[in-house]
Amino acid sequence: MSEFPFSTENILEQCGGNAATAIIVLDEFLNQAPADEAEMLAGLNNNTLITTSKAAHKLKGTAGVLGAEKLHAICAALEIAAKEERTEDAKKLFADLQTESKRCVEYVPIAQQKLK
């Protein structure tokens, strides 16, 4: 596994080679990830797992654009566990998601510097 949680090359490719757009995508991730995580947590706490599933789906899409394979996989698994109302599995996956999301968020400034 790479020491980096996602690939700047992947983002650049997804953004048509436009570094400025890639930097904007990373800024949007910094705003979106905490909001999506808050939605997921609210769904878990309120036993409205469809909320958790939908928020995991949104973050999964962004993780795909970033090329954050581990975060993408965790989001996909959480989305399914929440849809299937497997609360304990969803809670464990959410904890894993928080850890990996933090890695990605912490890497964003480094990635943005690489894109400049």
N, C-alpha and C. Protein backbone atom coordinates (compact mmCIF):
# COMPACT_ATOMS: atom_id res chain seq x y z
N MET A 1 0.85 -1.18 0.00
CA MET A 1 0.00 0.00 0.00
C MET A 1 0.89 1.24 0.00
N SER A 2 0.48 2.23 -0.69
CA SER A 2 1.22 3.48 -0.78
C SER A 2 1.24 4.18 0.57
N GLU A 3 2.31 4.92 0.82
CA GLU A 3 2.36 5.71 2.05
C GLU A 3 1.40 6.89 1.98
N PHE A 4 0.98 7.25 0.77
CA PHE A 4 0.05 8.36 0.59
C PHE A 4 -1.37 7.82 0.46
N PRO A 5 -2.35 8.53 1.05
CA PRO A 5 -3.73 8.01 1.01
C PRO A 5 -4.42 8.17 -0.34
N PHE A 6 -3.88 9.02 -1.21
CA PHE A 6 -4.44 9.16 -2.55
C PHE A 6 -3.36 9.71 -3.49
N SER A 7 -3.69 9.69 -4.76
CA SER A 7 -2.72 10.03 -5.79
C SER A 7 -3.03 11.38 -6.43
N THR A 8 -2.04 12.29 -6.41
CA THR A 8 -2.24 13.57 -7.08
C THR A 8 -2.37 13.36 -8.59
N GLU A 9 -1.70 12.34 -9.11
CA GLU A 9 -1.80 12.05 -10.54
C GLU A 9 -3.23 11.69 -10.92
N ASN A 10 -3.90 10.93 -10.06
CA ASN A 10 -5.28 10.53 -10.32
C ASN A 10 -6.20 11.75 -10.34
N ILE A 11 -6.03 12.63 -9.38
CA ILE A 11 -6.88 13.82 -9.32
C ILE A 11 -6.65 14.68 -10.56
N LEU A 12 -5.39 14.83 -10.90
CA LEU A 12 -5.06 15.64 -12.08
C LEU A 12 -5.70 15.05 -13.33
N GLU A 13 -5.64 13.73 -13.45
CA GLU A 13 -6.27 13.06 -14.60
C GLU A 13 -7.78 13.27 -14.58
N GLN A 14 -8.40 13.13 -13.40
CA GLN A 14 -9.85 13.31 -13.27
C GLN A 14 -10.27 14.75 -13.61
N CYS A 15 -9.35 15.68 -13.43
CA CYS A 15 -9.62 17.10 -13.68
C CYS A 15 -9.11 17.55 -15.04
N GLY A 16 -8.91 16.62 -15.94
CA GLY A 16 -8.50 16.95 -17.30
C GLY A 16 -7.14 17.61 -17.39
N GLY A 17 -6.28 17.31 -16.42
CA GLY A 17 -4.93 17.87 -16.43
C GLY A 17 -4.85 19.29 -15.90
N ASN A 18 -5.95 19.82 -15.40
CA ASN A 18 -5.99 21.19 -14.91
C ASN A 18 -5.68 21.21 -13.41
N ALA A 19 -4.46 21.67 -13.06
CA ALA A 19 -4.02 21.68 -11.67
C ALA A 19 -4.88 22.60 -10.80
N ALA A 20 -5.29 23.73 -11.35
CA ALA A 20 -6.12 24.67 -10.58
C ALA A 20 -7.45 24.01 -10.18
N THR A 21 -8.04 23.27 -11.11
CA THR A 21 -9.28 22.57 -10.81
C THR A 21 -9.04 21.48 -9.77
N ALA A 22 -7.94 20.77 -9.89
CA ALA A 22 -7.60 19.72 -8.92
C ALA A 22 -7.46 20.30 -7.52
N ILE A 23 -6.86 21.47 -7.41
CA ILE A 23 -6.71 22.13 -6.11
C ILE A 23 -8.08 22.50 -5.54
N ILE A 24 -8.98 22.95 -6.40
CA ILE A 24 -10.35 23.28 -5.96
C ILE A 24 -11.07 22.03 -5.48
N VAL A 25 -10.90 20.92 -6.19
CA VAL A 25 -11.51 19.65 -5.78
C VAL A 25 -11.01 19.26 -4.39
N LEU A 26 -9.73 19.44 -4.15
CA LEU A 26 -9.18 19.12 -2.83
C LEU A 26 -9.76 20.03 -1.75
N ASP A 27 -9.93 21.31 -2.07
CA ASP A 27 -10.56 22.23 -1.12
C ASP A 27 -11.99 21.78 -0.80
N GLU A 28 -12.70 21.36 -1.83
CA GLU A 28 -14.08 20.89 -1.63
C GLU A 28 -14.11 19.64 -0.76
N PHE A 29 -13.13 18.76 -0.95
CA PHE A 29 -13.04 17.57 -0.11
C PHE A 29 -12.85 17.97 1.35
N LEU A 30 -12.01 18.97 1.60
CA LEU A 30 -11.78 19.42 2.98
C LEU A 30 -13.07 19.90 3.64
N ASN A 31 -13.97 20.49 2.86
CA ASN A 31 -15.26 20.93 3.39
C ASN A 31 -16.27 19.80 3.46
N GLN A 32 -16.26 18.94 2.45
CA GLN A 32 -17.28 17.90 2.35
C GLN A 32 -17.06 16.76 3.34
N ALA A 33 -15.84 16.32 3.52
CA ALA A 33 -15.58 15.15 4.37
C ALA A 33 -16.13 15.32 5.79
N PRO A 34 -15.84 16.42 6.48
CA PRO A 34 -16.40 16.56 7.83
C PRO A 34 -17.93 16.63 7.84
N ALA A 35 -18.51 17.28 6.85
CA ALA A 35 -19.97 17.37 6.79
C ALA A 35 -20.59 16.00 6.56
N ASP A 36 -19.99 15.22 5.65
CA ASP A 36 -20.49 13.86 5.40
C ASP A 36 -20.33 12.98 6.63
N GLU A 37 -19.19 13.10 7.30
CA GLU A 37 -18.97 12.32 8.52
C GLU A 37 -19.99 12.69 9.59
N ALA A 38 -20.30 13.98 9.73
CA ALA A 38 -21.29 14.41 10.72
C ALA A 38 -22.66 13.80 10.40
N GLU A 39 -23.01 13.76 9.11
CA GLU A 39 -24.28 13.14 8.70
C GLU A 39 -24.30 11.65 9.04
N MET A 40 -23.17 10.98 8.75
CA MET A 40 -23.09 9.55 9.04
C MET A 40 -23.26 9.30 10.54
N LEU A 41 -22.57 10.08 11.34
CA LEU A 41 -22.64 9.92 12.79
C LEU A 41 -24.05 10.19 13.30
N ALA A 42 -24.69 11.22 12.78
CA ALA A 42 -26.07 11.52 13.17
C ALA A 42 -26.98 10.34 12.84
N GLY A 43 -26.79 9.75 11.68
CA GLY A 43 -27.58 8.58 11.30
C GLY A 43 -27.36 7.41 12.23
N LEU A 44 -26.10 7.19 12.60
CA LEU A 44 -25.79 6.10 13.52
C LEU A 44 -26.38 6.37 14.91
N ASN A 45 -26.26 7.60 15.37
CA ASN A 45 -26.75 7.95 16.71
C ASN A 45 -28.27 7.96 16.79
N ASN A 46 -28.92 8.32 15.68
CA ASN A 46 -30.39 8.41 15.68
C ASN A 46 -31.05 7.17 15.11
N ASN A 47 -30.23 6.18 14.80
CA ASN A 47 -30.73 4.93 14.20
C ASN A 47 -31.51 5.20 12.91
N THR A 48 -31.03 6.17 12.14
CA THR A 48 -31.57 6.44 10.81
C THR A 48 -30.45 6.10 9.83
N LEU A 49 -30.25 4.82 9.65
CA LEU A 49 -29.09 4.35 8.90
C LEU A 49 -29.16 4.72 7.42
N ILE A 50 -30.32 5.06 6.91
CA ILE A 50 -30.40 5.50 5.52
C ILE A 50 -29.62 6.81 5.36
N THR A 51 -29.63 7.65 6.38
CA THR A 51 -28.85 8.89 6.38
C THR A 51 -27.37 8.56 6.30
N THR A 52 -26.95 7.60 7.09
CA THR A 52 -25.55 7.15 7.09
C THR A 52 -25.18 6.61 5.72
N SER A 53 -26.05 5.80 5.15
CA SER A 53 -25.80 5.20 3.84
C SER A 53 -25.64 6.27 2.75
N LYS A 54 -26.53 7.25 2.76
CA LYS A 54 -26.48 8.31 1.74
C LYS A 54 -25.21 9.15 1.88
N ALA A 55 -24.83 9.48 3.09
CA ALA A 55 -23.61 10.27 3.30
C ALA A 55 -22.37 9.47 2.92
N ALA A 56 -22.37 8.18 3.22
CA ALA A 56 -21.24 7.33 2.82
C ALA A 56 -21.14 7.27 1.30
N HIS A 57 -22.28 7.22 0.64
CA HIS A 57 -22.31 7.21 -0.83
C HIS A 57 -21.69 8.49 -1.40
N LYS A 58 -22.04 9.64 -0.82
CA LYS A 58 -21.49 10.91 -1.29
C LYS A 58 -19.97 10.94 -1.13
N LEU A 59 -19.50 10.55 0.04
CA LEU A 59 -18.06 10.60 0.30
C LEU A 59 -17.33 9.56 -0.56
N LYS A 60 -18.00 8.46 -0.85
CA LYS A 60 -17.41 7.43 -1.72
C LYS A 60 -17.11 8.01 -3.09
N GLY A 61 -18.02 8.82 -3.62
CA GLY A 61 -17.80 9.44 -4.93
C GLY A 61 -16.60 10.36 -4.93
N THR A 62 -16.48 11.15 -3.90
CA THR A 62 -15.33 12.06 -3.80
C THR A 62 -14.04 11.26 -3.65
N ALA A 63 -14.08 10.22 -2.84
CA ALA A 63 -12.89 9.37 -2.66
C ALA A 63 -12.47 8.77 -3.99
N GLY A 64 -13.43 8.43 -4.84
CA GLY A 64 -13.12 7.90 -6.16
C GLY A 64 -12.40 8.91 -7.03
N VAL A 65 -12.84 10.16 -6.98
CA VAL A 65 -12.19 11.22 -7.75
C VAL A 65 -10.76 11.43 -7.25
N LEU A 66 -10.59 11.38 -5.94
CA LEU A 66 -9.26 11.56 -5.36
C LEU A 66 -8.33 10.38 -5.66
N GLY A 67 -8.94 9.22 -5.91
CA GLY A 67 -8.12 8.01 -6.04
C GLY A 67 -7.74 7.48 -4.67
N ALA A 68 -8.53 7.84 -3.66
CA ALA A 68 -8.31 7.38 -2.29
C ALA A 68 -8.96 6.00 -2.16
N GLU A 69 -8.23 4.99 -2.59
CA GLU A 69 -8.79 3.64 -2.71
C GLU A 69 -9.28 3.08 -1.39
N LYS A 70 -8.50 3.25 -0.33
CA LYS A 70 -8.91 2.69 0.97
C LYS A 70 -10.16 3.40 1.49
N LEU A 71 -10.18 4.74 1.40
CA LEU A 71 -11.36 5.48 1.84
C LEU A 71 -12.57 5.09 1.00
N HIS A 72 -12.38 4.94 -0.29
CA HIS A 72 -13.47 4.54 -1.19
C HIS A 72 -14.04 3.18 -0.77
N ALA A 73 -13.16 2.24 -0.48
CA ALA A 73 -13.60 0.89 -0.10
C ALA A 73 -14.36 0.90 1.23
N ILE A 74 -13.86 1.68 2.18
CA ILE A 74 -14.55 1.77 3.47
C ILE A 74 -15.92 2.41 3.30
N CYS A 75 -16.00 3.48 2.52
CA CYS A 75 -17.28 4.14 2.25
C CYS A 75 -18.27 3.17 1.61
N ALA A 76 -17.79 2.39 0.65
CA ALA A 76 -18.66 1.43 -0.04
C ALA A 76 -19.19 0.39 0.94
N ALA A 77 -18.31 -0.12 1.80
CA ALA A 77 -18.73 -1.13 2.78
C ALA A 77 -19.71 -0.53 3.79
N LEU A 78 -19.45 0.70 4.22
CA LEU A 78 -20.34 1.37 5.17
C LEU A 78 -21.70 1.64 4.53
N GLU A 79 -21.69 2.07 3.30
CA GLU A 79 -22.95 2.32 2.59
C GLU A 79 -23.82 1.07 2.59
N ILE A 80 -23.22 -0.06 2.28
CA ILE A 80 -23.97 -1.32 2.23
C ILE A 80 -24.42 -1.75 3.63
N ALA A 81 -23.51 -1.70 4.60
CA ALA A 81 -23.86 -2.11 5.96
C ALA A 81 -25.02 -1.27 6.50
N ALA A 82 -24.99 0.02 6.23
CA ALA A 82 -26.06 0.90 6.70
C ALA A 82 -27.37 0.59 5.98
N LYS A 83 -27.29 0.37 4.66
CA LYS A 83 -28.51 0.01 3.90
C LYS A 83 -29.14 -1.26 4.43
N GLU A 84 -28.27 -2.20 4.82
CA GLU A 84 -28.75 -3.49 5.32
C GLU A 84 -29.06 -3.46 6.81
N GLU A 85 -28.95 -2.27 7.41
CA GLU A 85 -29.25 -2.05 8.83
C GLU A 85 -28.42 -2.93 9.75
N ARG A 86 -27.16 -3.13 9.37
CA ARG A 86 -26.21 -3.86 10.23
C ARG A 86 -25.48 -2.81 11.07
N THR A 87 -26.14 -2.39 12.13
CA THR A 87 -25.68 -1.27 12.94
C THR A 87 -24.27 -1.46 13.49
N GLU A 88 -23.98 -2.60 14.07
CA GLU A 88 -22.66 -2.81 14.68
C GLU A 88 -21.56 -2.78 13.62
N ASP A 89 -21.82 -3.40 12.46
CA ASP A 89 -20.85 -3.34 11.36
C ASP A 89 -20.66 -1.90 10.90
N ALA A 90 -21.76 -1.17 10.79
CA ALA A 90 -21.71 0.22 10.35
C ALA A 90 -20.88 1.07 11.32
N LYS A 91 -21.06 0.85 12.61
CA LYS A 91 -20.30 1.61 13.61
C LYS A 91 -18.81 1.33 13.51
N LYS A 92 -18.45 0.07 13.32
CA LYS A 92 -17.03 -0.28 13.17
C LYS A 92 -16.46 0.36 11.90
N LEU A 93 -17.19 0.24 10.82
CA LEU A 93 -16.74 0.83 9.55
C LEU A 93 -16.63 2.35 9.65
N PHE A 94 -17.54 2.96 10.40
CA PHE A 94 -17.47 4.41 10.57
C PHE A 94 -16.18 4.81 11.29
N ALA A 95 -15.80 4.03 12.30
CA ALA A 95 -14.55 4.31 13.01
C ALA A 95 -13.36 4.19 12.05
N ASP A 96 -13.39 3.16 11.21
CA ASP A 96 -12.33 2.99 10.20
C ASP A 96 -12.33 4.16 9.22
N LEU A 97 -13.52 4.59 8.83
CA LEU A 97 -13.66 5.70 7.90
C LEU A 97 -13.07 6.98 8.50
N GLN A 98 -13.34 7.23 9.76
CA GLN A 98 -12.81 8.43 10.40
C GLN A 98 -11.28 8.44 10.37
N THR A 99 -10.68 7.30 10.63
CA THR A 99 -9.22 7.20 10.63
C THR A 99 -8.67 7.47 9.24
N GLU A 100 -9.25 6.84 8.24
CA GLU A 100 -8.74 7.01 6.87
C GLU A 100 -9.06 8.39 6.33
N SER A 101 -10.21 8.93 6.65
CA SER A 101 -10.56 10.27 6.21
C SER A 101 -9.58 11.28 6.80
N LYS A 102 -9.21 11.10 8.04
CA LYS A 102 -8.23 12.00 8.68
C LYS A 102 -6.90 11.96 7.93
N ARG A 103 -6.46 10.75 7.55
CA ARG A 103 -5.23 10.61 6.77
C ARG A 103 -5.32 11.42 5.48
N CYS A 104 -6.46 11.31 4.81
CA CYS A 104 -6.65 12.03 3.54
C CYS A 104 -6.65 13.53 3.76
N VAL A 105 -7.39 13.98 4.77
CA VAL A 105 -7.46 15.42 5.06
C VAL A 105 -6.07 15.97 5.37
N GLU A 106 -5.31 15.24 6.16
CA GLU A 106 -3.96 15.69 6.52
C GLU A 106 -3.02 15.72 5.31
N TYR A 107 -3.31 14.92 4.30
CA TYR A 107 -2.47 14.87 3.10
C TYR A 107 -2.81 15.96 2.09
N VAL A 108 -4.00 16.53 2.18
CA VAL A 108 -4.44 17.53 1.20
C VAL A 108 -3.45 18.66 1.00
N PRO A 109 -2.94 19.31 2.04
CA PRO A 109 -1.99 20.41 1.79
C PRO A 109 -0.73 19.96 1.04
N ILE A 110 -0.27 18.76 1.31
CA ILE A 110 0.89 18.22 0.60
C ILE A 110 0.53 18.01 -0.87
N ALA A 111 -0.64 17.43 -1.12
CA ALA A 111 -1.10 17.18 -2.49
C ALA A 111 -1.26 18.51 -3.24
N GLN A 112 -1.84 19.49 -2.57
CA GLN A 112 -2.02 20.79 -3.23
C GLN A 112 -0.68 21.42 -3.58
N GLN A 113 0.29 21.26 -2.71
CA GLN A 113 1.63 21.79 -2.99
C GLN A 113 2.24 21.09 -4.21
N LYS A 114 2.03 19.78 -4.30
CA LYS A 114 2.55 19.02 -5.45
C LYS A 114 1.92 19.48 -6.75
N LEU A 115 0.67 19.94 -6.68
CA LEU A 115 -0.06 20.35 -7.88
C LEU A 115 0.28 21.76 -8.34
N LYS A 116 0.95 22.52 -7.49
CA LYS A 116 1.27 23.92 -7.84
C LYS A 116 2.47 23.99 -8.76
